[in-house]
Amino acid sequence: MRKLYMLAFALMVLLSMTMGALALESKTIYRQNGASASAEWSETVGNVDTYTYLSVFKTNDGTDIYTSICTYMEGSYSCKWGYKFTQESVFNIDNKLKSATLSDVQVDLYDWDTYTVETVTVKVVWTGVGDVTKGSYKSISKYGDYIGKYSDRSTFSEATATGSINDQELGTSDFGTLIKFKSAYMSMEK
């Protein structure tokens, strides 16, 4: 009888280990460390207003660069948009958010009015301004046998930026931001 109990106990341990292994197989953890920076410039010449916007988003996978140039005049406007993803090291940011640089990078700008494409070279330098703000966020979602957990820690600073497009200086930006973040996502299905 004792052997029967020992066998049952061994089977229970083996079953629990198998179930634990199955649970681990359905568990996924994804971590992301990254940084971003953005800036906007405006210029008025006569009755023409031009707004230039640029943002950079760097993660473990690479760097996303987005830029737009919009021109407004009496009764009309036109915009060009550009996006580029690169795995080259073109964006660097200081850990304390004191500065950041986007080195020379070429971006294709699409003009949706004329259906033309123009390749431009963009370069930007950011300088952090004021205090650095820290923030964090956590969330848990449950649906049936599915559980998802997300957490994020970030630091933020306002910034000024100077830059150029095709060696034409943009001057000092109207506003800018610098952000560093660490995020983690875990999903588990029973």
C-alpha atoms as a PDB file:
ATOM      1  CA  MET A   1       0.000   0.000   0.000  1.00  0.00           C
ATOM      2  CA  ARG A   2       2.840   2.339   0.822  1.00  0.00           C
ATOM      3  CA  LYS A   3       4.343   1.725  -2.633  1.00  0.00           C
ATOM      4  CA  LEU A   4       1.003   2.703  -4.171  1.00  0.00           C
ATOM      5  CA  TYR A   5       1.019   6.017  -2.237  1.00  0.00           C
ATOM      6  CA  MET A   6       4.623   6.635  -3.274  1.00  0.00           C
ATOM      7  CA  LEU A   7       3.744   5.942  -6.908  1.00  0.00           C
ATOM      8  CA  ALA A   8       0.714   8.256  -6.728  1.00  0.00           C
ATOM      9  CA  PHE A   9       2.847  10.978  -5.123  1.00  0.00           C
ATOM     10  CA  ALA A  10       5.535  10.591  -7.799  1.00  0.00           C
ATOM     11  CA  LEU A  11       2.895  10.847 -10.523  1.00  0.00           C
ATOM     12  CA  MET A  12       1.472  13.994  -8.905  1.00  0.00           C
ATOM     13  CA  VAL A  13       4.933  15.592  -8.757  1.00  0.00           C
ATOM     14  CA  LEU A  14       5.604  14.637 -12.367  1.00  0.00           C
ATOM     15  CA  LEU A  15       2.216  15.987 -13.442  1.00  0.00           C
ATOM     16  CA  SER A  16       2.747  19.273 -11.595  1.00  0.00           C
ATOM     17  CA  MET A  17       6.188  19.655 -13.180  1.00  0.00           C
ATOM     18  CA  THR A  18       4.703  18.997 -16.613  1.00  0.00           C
ATOM     19  CA  MET A  19       1.938  21.523 -16.013  1.00  0.00           C
ATOM     20  CA  GLY A  20       4.527  24.025 -14.786  1.00  0.00           C
ATOM     21  CA  ALA A  21       6.556  23.492 -17.927  1.00  0.00           C
ATOM     22  CA  LEU A  22       3.449  23.945 -20.065  1.00  0.00           C
ATOM     23  CA  ALA A  23       2.638  27.170 -18.235  1.00  0.00           C
ATOM     24  CA  LEU A  24       6.153  28.431 -18.862  1.00  0.00           C
ATOM     25  CA  GLU A  25       5.840  27.547 -22.532  1.00  0.00           C
ATOM     26  CA  SER A  26       2.812  29.825 -22.827  1.00  0.00           C
ATOM     27  CA  LYS A  27       4.502  32.722 -21.057  1.00  0.00           C
ATOM     28  CA  THR A  28       6.017  35.485 -23.175  1.00  0.00           C
ATOM     29  CA  ILE A  29       8.075  38.427 -21.922  1.00  0.00           C
ATOM     30  CA  TYR A  30       9.063  41.306 -24.189  1.00  0.00           C
ATOM     31  CA  ARG A  31      11.357  44.104 -23.006  1.00  0.00           C
ATOM     32  CA  GLN A  32      12.045  47.329 -24.841  1.00  0.00           C
ATOM     33  CA  ASN A  33      14.549  50.073 -24.045  1.00  0.00           C
ATOM     34  CA  GLY A  34      14.410  53.199 -26.108  1.00  0.00           C
ATOM     35  CA  ALA A  35      14.476  56.936 -26.545  1.00  0.00           C
ATOM     36  CA  SER A  36      12.752  59.569 -28.603  1.00  0.00           C
ATOM     37  CA  ALA A  37      13.118  63.214 -29.504  1.00  0.00           C
ATOM     38  CA  SER A  38      10.936  65.682 -31.359  1.00  0.00           C
ATOM     39  CA  ALA A  39      10.991  69.298 -32.466  1.00  0.00           C
ATOM     40  CA  GLU A  40       8.964  71.784 -34.461  1.00  0.00           C
ATOM     41  CA  TRP A  41      10.065  74.922 -36.273  1.00  0.00           C
ATOM     42  CA  SER A  42       7.967  77.681 -37.792  1.00  0.00           C
ATOM     43  CA  GLU A  43       8.875  80.459 -40.193  1.00  0.00           C
ATOM     44  CA  THR A  44       6.857  83.275 -41.732  1.00  0.00           C
ATOM     45  CA  VAL A  45       8.011  85.006 -44.901  1.00  0.00           C
ATOM     46  CA  GLY A  46       5.503  87.521 -46.226  1.00  0.00           C
ATOM     47  CA  ASN A  47       2.155  85.745 -46.247  1.00  0.00           C
ATOM     48  CA  VAL A  48       3.693  82.252 -46.309  1.00  0.00           C
ATOM     49  CA  ASP A  49       3.918  80.203 -43.102  1.00  0.00           C
ATOM     50  CA  THR A  50       6.114  77.106 -43.038  1.00  0.00           C
ATOM     51  CA  TYR A  51       6.026  74.483 -40.275  1.00  0.00           C
ATOM     52  CA  THR A  52       8.667  71.781 -40.053  1.00  0.00           C
ATOM     53  CA  TYR A  53       8.240  68.845 -37.676  1.00  0.00           C
ATOM     54  CA  LEU A  54      10.657  66.028 -36.924  1.00  0.00           C
ATOM     55  CA  SER A  55      10.546  63.110 -34.516  1.00  0.00           C
ATOM     56  CA  VAL A  56      12.949  60.258 -33.835  1.00  0.00           C
ATOM     57  CA  PHE A  57      12.053  57.009 -32.076  1.00  0.00           C
ATOM     58  CA  LYS A  58      14.849  54.586 -31.186  1.00  0.00           C
ATOM     59  CA  THR A  59      14.272  51.052 -29.838  1.00  0.00           C
ATOM     60  CA  ASN A  60      16.107  47.739 -29.703  1.00  0.00           C
ATOM     61  CA  ASP A  61      15.041  47.122 -33.304  1.00  0.00           C
ATOM     62  CA  GLY A  62      16.358  50.346 -34.832  1.00  0.00           C
ATOM     63  CA  THR A  63      15.458  53.998 -35.362  1.00  0.00           C
ATOM     64  CA  ASP A  64      12.287  55.464 -36.875  1.00  0.00           C
ATOM     65  CA  ILE A  65      12.520  58.980 -38.304  1.00  0.00           C
ATOM     66  CA  TYR A  66       9.460  60.991 -39.284  1.00  0.00           C
ATOM     67  CA  THR A  67       9.449  64.480 -40.749  1.00  0.00           C
ATOM     68  CA  SER A  68       6.924  66.805 -42.333  1.00  0.00           C
ATOM     69  CA  ILE A  69       7.100  70.222 -43.976  1.00  0.00           C
ATOM     70  CA  CYS A  70       3.831  72.107 -44.409  1.00  0.00           C
ATOM     71  CA  THR A  71       3.443  75.460 -46.138  1.00  0.00           C
ATOM     72  CA  TYR A  72       0.365  77.642 -45.656  1.00  0.00           C
ATOM     73  CA  MET A  73      -0.553  80.698 -47.682  1.00  0.00           C
ATOM     74  CA  GLU A  74      -3.773  82.567 -48.395  1.00  0.00           C
ATOM     75  CA  GLY A  75      -6.389  79.997 -49.358  1.00  0.00           C
ATOM     76  CA  SER A  76      -4.048  77.046 -49.879  1.00  0.00           C
ATOM     77  CA  TYR A  77      -1.549  74.769 -48.235  1.00  0.00           C
ATOM     78  CA  SER A  78       0.795  71.959 -49.202  1.00  0.00           C
ATOM     79  CA  CYS A  79       2.582  69.310 -47.182  1.00  0.00           C
ATOM     80  CA  LYS A  80       5.411  66.857 -47.633  1.00  0.00           C
ATOM     81  CA  TRP A  81       5.777  63.834 -45.383  1.00  0.00           C
ATOM     82  CA  GLY A  82       8.714  61.516 -44.948  1.00  0.00           C
ATOM     83  CA  TYR A  83       9.520  58.387 -42.962  1.00  0.00           C
ATOM     84  CA  LYS A  84      12.620  56.261 -42.645  1.00  0.00           C
ATOM     85  CA  PHE A  85      13.589  53.222 -40.601  1.00  0.00           C
ATOM     86  CA  THR A  86      17.255  52.431 -40.166  1.00  0.00           C
ATOM     87  CA  GLN A  87      19.356  50.090 -38.065  1.00  0.00           C
ATOM     88  CA  GLU A  88      22.376  52.348 -38.406  1.00  0.00           C
ATOM     89  CA  SER A  89      23.498  54.315 -35.358  1.00  0.00           C
ATOM     90  CA  VAL A  90      22.208  57.737 -36.407  1.00  0.00           C
ATOM     91  CA  PHE A  91      20.563  58.876 -33.142  1.00  0.00           C
ATOM     92  CA  ASN A  92      22.307  59.314 -29.795  1.00  0.00           C
ATOM     93  CA  ILE A  93      20.857  60.690 -26.577  1.00  0.00           C
ATOM     94  CA  ASP A  94      22.464  61.547 -23.249  1.00  0.00           C
ATOM     95  CA  ASN A  95      21.307  59.389 -20.319  1.00  0.00           C
ATOM     96  CA  LYS A  96      20.463  62.523 -18.315  1.00  0.00           C
ATOM     97  CA  LEU A  97      18.569  64.058 -21.259  1.00  0.00           C
ATOM     98  CA  LYS A  98      20.981  66.966 -21.529  1.00  0.00           C
ATOM     99  CA  SER A  99      21.489  66.525 -25.262  1.00  0.00           C
ATOM    100  CA  ALA A 100      20.751  64.390 -28.301  1.00  0.00           C
ATOM    101  CA  THR A 101      21.925  64.296 -31.898  1.00  0.00           C
ATOM    102  CA  LEU A 102      20.524  63.010 -35.151  1.00  0.00           C
ATOM    103  CA  SER A 103      23.455  62.726 -37.539  1.00  0.00           C
ATOM    104  CA  ASP A 104      23.110  63.255 -41.283  1.00  0.00           C
ATOM    105  CA  VAL A 105      20.389  60.931 -42.524  1.00  0.00           C
ATOM    106  CA  GLN A 106      18.546  60.889 -45.826  1.00  0.00           C
ATOM    107  CA  VAL A 107      14.750  60.820 -45.808  1.00  0.00           C
ATOM    108  CA  ASP A 108      12.383  60.615 -48.786  1.00  0.00           C
ATOM    109  CA  LEU A 109       9.716  63.338 -48.656  1.00  0.00           C
ATOM    110  CA  TYR A 110       6.452  62.619 -50.478  1.00  0.00           C
ATOM    111  CA  ASP A 111       4.399  65.492 -51.859  1.00  0.00           C
ATOM    112  CA  TRP A 112       0.829  64.207 -52.053  1.00  0.00           C
ATOM    113  CA  ASP A 113      -0.304  67.161 -54.183  1.00  0.00           C
ATOM    114  CA  THR A 114       2.202  66.661 -56.981  1.00  0.00           C
ATOM    115  CA  TYR A 115       2.926  62.946 -56.353  1.00  0.00           C
ATOM    116  CA  THR A 116       6.646  63.621 -56.357  1.00  0.00           C
ATOM    117  CA  VAL A 117       9.425  62.377 -54.095  1.00  0.00           C
ATOM    118  CA  GLU A 118      12.354  64.453 -52.887  1.00  0.00           C
ATOM    119  CA  THR A 119      15.277  63.003 -50.943  1.00  0.00           C
ATOM    120  CA  VAL A 120      16.559  65.362 -48.261  1.00  0.00           C
ATOM    121  CA  THR A 121      19.388  65.195 -45.739  1.00  0.00           C
ATOM    122  CA  VAL A 122      18.303  65.948 -42.180  1.00  0.00           C
ATOM    123  CA  LYS A 123      20.479  66.783 -39.191  1.00  0.00           C
ATOM    124  CA  VAL A 124      19.322  67.917 -35.710  1.00  0.00           C
ATOM    125  CA  VAL A 125      20.913  68.699 -32.333  1.00  0.00           C
ATOM    126  CA  TRP A 126      18.764  68.892 -29.173  1.00  0.00           C
ATOM    127  CA  THR A 127      19.636  70.563 -25.876  1.00  0.00           C
ATOM    128  CA  GLY A 128      17.664  69.659 -22.767  1.00  0.00           C
ATOM    129  CA  VAL A 129      15.978  72.543 -20.948  1.00  0.00           C
ATOM    130  CA  GLY A 130      14.761  72.613 -17.357  1.00  0.00           C
ATOM    131  CA  ASP A 131      14.135  69.745 -14.981  1.00  0.00           C
ATOM    132  CA  VAL A 132      13.807  66.101 -15.939  1.00  0.00           C
ATOM    133  CA  THR A 133      10.446  64.547 -15.122  1.00  0.00           C
ATOM    134  CA  LYS A 134      10.098  60.865 -14.252  1.00  0.00           C
ATOM    135  CA  GLY A 135       6.985  58.779 -14.710  1.00  0.00           C
ATOM    136  CA  SER A 136       5.806  55.192 -14.503  1.00  0.00           C
ATOM    137  CA  TYR A 137       2.782  53.215 -15.587  1.00  0.00           C
ATOM    138  CA  LYS A 138       1.499  49.692 -14.938  1.00  0.00           C
ATOM    139  CA  SER A 139      -1.516  47.813 -16.212  1.00  0.00           C
ATOM    140  CA  ILE A 140      -2.941  44.304 -15.948  1.00  0.00           C
ATOM    141  CA  SER A 141      -5.546  42.849 -18.266  1.00  0.00           C
ATOM    142  CA  LYS A 142      -7.373  39.557 -17.863  1.00  0.00           C
ATOM    143  CA  TYR A 143      -9.604  37.815 -20.345  1.00  0.00           C
ATOM    144  CA  GLY A 144     -10.530  34.197 -19.744  1.00  0.00           C
ATOM    145  CA  ASP A 145      -7.320  32.219 -19.413  1.00  0.00           C
ATOM    146  CA  TYR A 146      -5.238  35.101 -20.778  1.00  0.00           C
ATOM    147  CA  ILE A 147      -3.319  37.517 -18.545  1.00  0.00           C
ATOM    148  CA  GLY A 148      -1.330  40.470 -19.833  1.00  0.00           C
ATOM    149  CA  LYS A 149       0.890  42.777 -17.782  1.00  0.00           C
ATOM    150  CA  TYR A 150       2.527  45.976 -19.003  1.00  0.00           C
ATOM    151  CA  SER A 151       4.917  48.328 -17.206  1.00  0.00           C
ATOM    152  CA  ASP A 152       6.706  51.447 -18.350  1.00  0.00           C
ATOM    153  CA  ARG A 153       9.244  53.790 -16.759  1.00  0.00           C
ATOM    154  CA  SER A 154      10.234  56.966 -18.538  1.00  0.00           C
ATOM    155  CA  THR A 155      12.116  60.232 -18.121  1.00  0.00           C
ATOM    156  CA  PHE A 156      11.117  63.384 -19.985  1.00  0.00           C
ATOM    157  CA  SER A 157      12.671  66.777 -20.623  1.00  0.00           C
ATOM    158  CA  GLU A 158      11.700  69.768 -22.682  1.00  0.00           C
ATOM    159  CA  ALA A 159      14.335  70.793 -25.197  1.00  0.00           C
ATOM    160  CA  THR A 160      15.373  73.255 -27.844  1.00  0.00           C
ATOM    161  CA  ALA A 161      16.665  72.031 -31.165  1.00  0.00           C
ATOM    162  CA  THR A 162      18.686  73.375 -34.047  1.00  0.00           C
ATOM    163  CA  GLY A 163      18.834  71.580 -37.334  1.00  0.00           C
ATOM    164  CA  SER A 164      19.084  71.695 -41.076  1.00  0.00           C
ATOM    165  CA  ILE A 165      17.472  70.157 -44.135  1.00  0.00           C
ATOM    166  CA  ASN A 166      19.757  69.975 -47.160  1.00  0.00           C
ATOM    167  CA  ASP A 167      22.140  72.329 -45.312  1.00  0.00           C
ATOM    168  CA  GLN A 168      19.431  75.003 -44.986  1.00  0.00           C
ATOM    169  CA  GLU A 169      19.367  76.037 -41.349  1.00  0.00           C
ATOM    170  CA  LEU A 170      16.037  75.767 -39.531  1.00  0.00           C
ATOM    171  CA  GLY A 171      17.072  78.014 -36.653  1.00  0.00           C
ATOM    172  CA  THR A 172      15.987  77.347 -33.075  1.00  0.00           C
ATOM    173  CA  SER A 173      12.878  75.222 -32.629  1.00  0.00           C
ATOM    174  CA  ASP A 174       9.631  76.532 -31.159  1.00  0.00           C
ATOM    175  CA  PHE A 175       9.550  73.501 -28.898  1.00  0.00           C
ATOM    176  CA  GLY A 176      11.229  70.144 -28.440  1.00  0.00           C
ATOM    177  CA  THR A 177      11.178  67.030 -26.276  1.00  0.00           C
ATOM    178  CA  LEU A 178      13.614  64.366 -25.112  1.00  0.00           C
ATOM    179  CA  ILE A 179      12.412  61.042 -23.687  1.00  0.00           C
ATOM    180  CA  LYS A 180      14.035  57.829 -22.484  1.00  0.00           C
ATOM    181  CA  PHE A 181      11.986  54.795 -21.512  1.00  0.00           C
ATOM    182  CA  LYS A 182      12.080  51.174 -20.403  1.00  0.00           C
ATOM    183  CA  SER A 183       9.042  49.000 -20.930  1.00  0.00           C
ATOM    184  CA  ALA A 184       8.155  45.361 -20.367  1.00  0.00           C
ATOM    185  CA  TYR A 185       5.198  43.294 -21.482  1.00  0.00           C
ATOM    186  CA  MET A 186       4.325  39.831 -20.203  1.00  0.00           C
ATOM    187  CA  SER A 187       1.545  37.641 -21.541  1.00  0.00           C
ATOM    188  CA  MET A 188       0.524  34.312 -20.073  1.00  0.00           C
ATOM    189  CA  GLU A 189      -2.144  31.859 -21.089  1.00  0.00           C
ATOM    190  CA  LYS A 190      -3.219  29.054 -18.787  1.00  0.00           C
END
